[in-house]
């Protein structure tokens, strides 16, 4: 469950839990299915009214309206997202929801992100050639610390492969490489970035395929960031 509203927004997951319980979906126990919903929330309280944030009702509605064609841009968890605040709030521009899919043969990795980064979003592949060790396409750093600026990029990568828990951990780690490719600077102390990985297990894979999946995760996350803004 991706949401805005900082820690307050984590309550949105309660609505999803309730809906899944009604549908009999959850981890099987002797007392019946127990829904387990992972929740990630970004900090957007400086945008608009900080008392307006998602709760159980909004989480349930999002689950009920889930589709194969989700909206992207400044909607949902990305409604209050911004990027580029590292150079001051006057340089900020809207962030939002980004979605991308990377494939190789039958292997698929999809990435869904709510991009709310302190850094600027850009495509290194489209930047000018490196001169004196600096991409000409990136803005020059400005003097002054980032203290007082708070951002969070959150998201999930999902593959159709049959991957172990440890394999999912490696996918999540590689996903952060995609974030670093699309955001500059990335992973600052002002960014509470969190990416998780999941596997549907539809396709059996060889041990060597895990590295392919990790590369696909990098590509999917990078593209998802670029589609969000």
Protein backbone atom coordinates (compact mmCIF):
# COMPACT_ATOMS: atom_id res chain seq x y z
CA UNK A 1 0.00 0.00 0.00
CA UNK A 2 1.56 3.29 -1.12
CA UNK A 3 0.19 6.43 0.49
CA UNK A 4 0.89 10.05 1.29
CA UNK A 5 0.38 11.69 4.66
CA UNK A 6 3.61 10.57 6.31
CA UNK A 7 3.11 8.15 9.24
CA UNK A 8 -0.56 9.18 9.45
CA UNK A 9 -1.12 7.76 5.97
CA UNK A 10 -0.15 4.26 7.06
CA UNK A 11 -3.70 3.98 8.42
CA UNK A 12 -4.85 3.57 4.82
CA UNK A 13 -3.62 -0.02 4.94
CA UNK A 14 -6.29 -0.80 7.55
CA UNK A 15 -8.95 -0.29 4.91
CA UNK A 16 -7.26 -2.80 2.62
CA UNK A 17 -6.95 -5.30 5.47
CA UNK A 18 -10.69 -5.01 6.16
CA UNK A 19 -11.61 -5.53 2.51
CA UNK A 20 -9.35 -8.57 2.17
CA UNK A 21 -10.79 -10.05 5.36
CA UNK A 22 -14.30 -9.75 3.91
CA UNK A 23 -13.11 -11.55 0.78
CA UNK A 24 -11.41 -14.32 2.74
CA UNK A 25 -7.95 -13.39 1.51
CA UNK A 26 -4.95 -13.64 3.83
CA UNK A 27 -2.32 -15.79 5.44
CA UNK A 28 -3.98 -19.05 6.52
CA UNK A 29 -4.22 -19.59 10.28
CA UNK A 30 -6.32 -21.75 12.57
CA UNK A 31 -8.53 -18.72 13.18
CA UNK A 32 -8.99 -18.00 9.49
CA UNK A 33 -7.14 -15.91 6.87
CA UNK A 34 -5.13 -12.96 8.24
CA UNK A 35 -4.47 -10.28 5.58
CA UNK A 36 -0.90 -8.99 5.63
CA UNK A 37 -0.56 -5.62 3.89
CA UNK A 38 2.81 -3.91 3.54
CA UNK A 39 2.46 -0.15 3.94
CA UNK A 40 4.80 2.60 2.73
CA UNK A 41 4.02 6.29 3.14
CA UNK A 42 5.79 9.38 1.85
CA UNK A 43 6.23 12.76 3.54
CA UNK A 44 4.08 15.39 1.82
CA UNK A 45 2.74 17.36 4.80
CA UNK A 46 4.34 20.60 3.59
CA UNK A 47 2.05 20.60 0.55
CA UNK A 48 -1.50 21.84 1.14
CA UNK A 49 -3.36 21.15 4.38
CA UNK A 50 -1.28 18.81 6.57
CA UNK A 51 -4.43 17.61 8.35
CA UNK A 52 -5.79 16.13 5.10
CA UNK A 53 -4.36 12.64 4.69
CA UNK A 54 -5.58 9.19 3.68
CA UNK A 55 -7.16 6.84 6.20
CA UNK A 56 -8.87 3.44 6.15
CA UNK A 57 -11.74 4.67 3.95
CA UNK A 58 -9.36 5.95 1.27
CA UNK A 59 -7.29 2.78 1.43
CA UNK A 60 -10.35 0.60 0.97
CA UNK A 61 -11.58 2.69 -1.94
CA UNK A 62 -8.18 2.45 -3.64
CA UNK A 63 -8.26 -1.34 -3.32
CA UNK A 64 -11.82 -1.54 -4.64
CA UNK A 65 -10.93 0.59 -7.66
CA UNK A 66 -7.63 -1.16 -8.45
CA UNK A 67 -7.19 -1.80 -12.17
CA UNK A 68 -4.68 -2.91 -14.78
CA UNK A 69 -4.46 0.69 -16.04
CA UNK A 70 -3.54 2.87 -13.05
CA UNK A 71 -3.25 6.64 -13.35
CA UNK A 72 0.22 8.19 -13.29
CA UNK A 73 1.48 11.62 -12.31
CA UNK A 74 0.34 13.72 -9.31
CA UNK A 75 -2.48 11.41 -8.22
CA UNK A 76 -3.13 9.09 -5.28
CA UNK A 77 -0.06 8.62 -3.12
CA UNK A 78 1.74 11.05 -5.43
CA UNK A 79 -0.81 13.87 -5.18
CA UNK A 80 1.39 15.93 -2.87
CA UNK A 81 4.75 14.68 -4.11
CA UNK A 82 7.50 17.06 -5.21
CA UNK A 83 11.00 16.74 -6.64
CA UNK A 84 13.95 19.10 -6.83
CA UNK A 85 13.69 20.60 -3.35
CA UNK A 86 17.44 20.13 -2.74
CA UNK A 87 17.95 23.51 -4.43
CA UNK A 88 15.22 25.16 -2.38
CA UNK A 89 11.44 24.93 -2.45
CA UNK A 90 11.29 27.61 -5.14
CA UNK A 91 12.93 25.07 -7.47
CA UNK A 92 10.48 22.28 -6.63
CA UNK A 93 8.21 20.77 -9.25
CA UNK A 94 5.51 18.10 -9.02
CA UNK A 95 6.45 14.48 -8.50
CA UNK A 96 3.89 11.71 -8.66
CA UNK A 97 3.11 8.11 -9.49
CA UNK A 98 5.26 6.37 -12.08
CA UNK A 99 4.83 2.94 -13.66
CA UNK A 100 7.08 0.96 -16.00
CA UNK A 101 7.68 -2.62 -17.10
CA UNK A 102 10.94 -4.24 -18.25
CA UNK A 103 11.03 -7.60 -20.06
CA UNK A 104 13.50 -10.13 -21.36
CA UNK A 105 11.90 -13.14 -22.96
CA UNK A 106 9.31 -14.50 -20.55
CA UNK A 107 10.79 -12.65 -17.57
CA UNK A 108 8.92 -9.55 -16.47
CA UNK A 109 9.63 -6.95 -13.79
CA UNK A 110 7.17 -4.13 -13.15
CA UNK A 111 7.86 -1.07 -11.01
CA UNK A 112 5.31 1.23 -9.38
CA UNK A 113 6.73 4.27 -7.57
CA UNK A 114 5.51 7.37 -5.78
CA UNK A 115 8.34 9.79 -6.58
CA UNK A 116 8.89 12.45 -3.94
CA UNK A 117 12.64 13.02 -4.14
CA UNK A 118 14.79 15.84 -2.83
CA UNK A 119 16.91 15.56 -5.97
CA UNK A 120 16.10 16.49 -9.54
CA UNK A 121 14.63 13.93 -11.92
CA UNK A 122 16.30 13.60 -15.29
CA UNK A 123 17.42 11.09 -17.89
CA UNK A 124 21.21 10.62 -17.88
CA UNK A 125 21.01 9.00 -21.31
CA UNK A 126 19.73 12.29 -22.73
CA UNK A 127 22.27 14.48 -20.93
CA UNK A 128 25.19 16.10 -22.68
CA UNK A 129 28.52 14.33 -22.67
CA UNK A 130 30.47 14.26 -19.45
CA UNK A 131 32.80 17.24 -19.15
CA UNK A 132 35.29 17.47 -16.30
CA UNK A 133 33.51 14.59 -14.58
CA UNK A 134 30.10 16.31 -14.47
CA UNK A 135 27.01 15.61 -16.58
CA UNK A 136 26.29 18.89 -18.33
CA UNK A 137 22.59 18.08 -18.09
CA UNK A 138 22.50 18.20 -14.30
CA UNK A 139 22.22 21.49 -12.39
CA UNK A 140 25.21 22.67 -10.43
CA UNK A 141 24.90 22.12 -6.66
CA UNK A 142 24.06 25.26 -4.72
CA UNK A 143 25.64 26.17 -1.42
CA UNK A 144 23.76 25.36 1.75
CA UNK A 145 22.68 22.23 3.61
CA UNK A 146 19.52 20.26 2.93
CA UNK A 147 18.43 20.53 6.57
CA UNK A 148 14.73 21.18 6.97
CA UNK A 149 13.74 19.50 3.70
CA UNK A 150 12.03 16.13 3.92
CA UNK A 151 11.27 13.78 1.06
CA UNK A 152 10.49 10.12 0.50
CA UNK A 153 10.34 8.03 -2.65
CA UNK A 154 8.49 4.78 -2.14
CA UNK A 155 7.54 1.92 -4.39
CA UNK A 156 7.45 -1.74 -5.29
CA UNK A 157 8.95 -3.98 -7.95
CA UNK A 158 7.10 -7.17 -8.85
CA UNK A 159 8.28 -10.04 -11.03
CA UNK A 160 6.46 -13.00 -12.54
CA UNK A 161 9.42 -15.25 -11.68
CA UNK A 162 9.60 -17.76 -8.86
CA UNK A 163 12.06 -16.01 -6.54
CA UNK A 164 12.96 -16.73 -2.91
CA UNK A 165 12.71 -14.23 -0.08
CA UNK A 166 16.45 -13.62 -0.39
CA UNK A 167 16.04 -13.14 -4.13
CA UNK A 168 13.38 -10.51 -3.50
CA UNK A 169 15.80 -8.74 -1.16
CA UNK A 170 18.36 -8.61 -3.97
CA UNK A 171 15.72 -7.29 -6.37
CA UNK A 172 14.84 -4.51 -3.93
CA UNK A 173 18.51 -3.63 -3.56
CA UNK A 174 18.97 -3.41 -7.32
CA UNK A 175 15.82 -1.31 -7.61
CA UNK A 176 17.62 1.45 -5.72
CA UNK A 177 20.20 1.53 -8.52
CA UNK A 178 17.39 2.52 -10.86
CA UNK A 179 16.44 5.31 -8.48
CA UNK A 180 20.03 6.56 -8.44
CA UNK A 181 20.13 6.53 -12.26
CA UNK A 182 17.11 8.83 -12.54
CA UNK A 183 17.46 11.14 -9.52
CA UNK A 184 20.36 13.49 -8.72
CA UNK A 185 21.35 13.70 -5.97
CA UNK A 186 19.72 10.51 -4.72
CA UNK A 187 19.51 8.80 -1.34
CA UNK A 188 20.31 11.95 0.63
CA UNK A 189 19.76 12.14 4.38
CA UNK A 190 16.57 14.03 3.59
CA UNK A 191 15.21 11.10 1.54
CA UNK A 192 13.46 8.31 3.42
CA UNK A 193 13.45 6.06 0.37
CA UNK A 194 11.91 2.59 0.62
CA UNK A 195 11.42 0.03 -2.14
CA UNK A 196 10.06 -3.49 -1.70
CA UNK A 197 10.01 -6.48 -4.04
CA UNK A 198 7.54 -9.31 -4.56
CA UNK A 199 7.30 -12.34 -6.83
CA UNK A 200 4.14 -13.98 -8.17
CA UNK A 201 6.00 -17.26 -8.80
CA UNK A 202 4.33 -17.89 -12.16
CA UNK A 203 7.56 -18.76 -13.97
CA UNK A 204 10.30 -21.08 -12.75
CA UNK A 205 13.78 -19.66 -13.31
CA UNK A 206 17.37 -20.83 -13.15
CA UNK A 207 19.77 -19.45 -10.57
CA UNK A 208 21.49 -17.32 -13.20
CA UNK A 209 18.21 -15.64 -14.12
CA UNK A 210 18.25 -13.74 -10.83
CA UNK A 211 20.92 -11.41 -12.20
CA UNK A 212 18.78 -10.81 -15.29
CA UNK A 213 15.85 -9.95 -13.04
CA UNK A 214 18.02 -7.54 -11.09
CA UNK A 215 19.00 -5.72 -14.28
CA UNK A 216 15.34 -5.57 -15.29
CA UNK A 217 14.51 -4.10 -11.87
CA UNK A 218 17.04 -1.32 -12.43
CA UNK A 219 15.56 -0.51 -15.84
CA UNK A 220 11.95 -0.64 -14.66
CA UNK A 221 12.54 1.66 -11.68
CA UNK A 222 14.50 4.18 -13.74
CA UNK A 223 11.71 4.35 -16.33
CA UNK A 224 9.03 4.54 -13.64
CA UNK A 225 10.71 7.57 -12.06
CA UNK A 226 10.86 9.31 -15.42
CA UNK A 227 7.16 8.66 -16.13
CA UNK A 228 6.13 10.07 -12.74
CA UNK A 229 7.25 13.66 -13.30
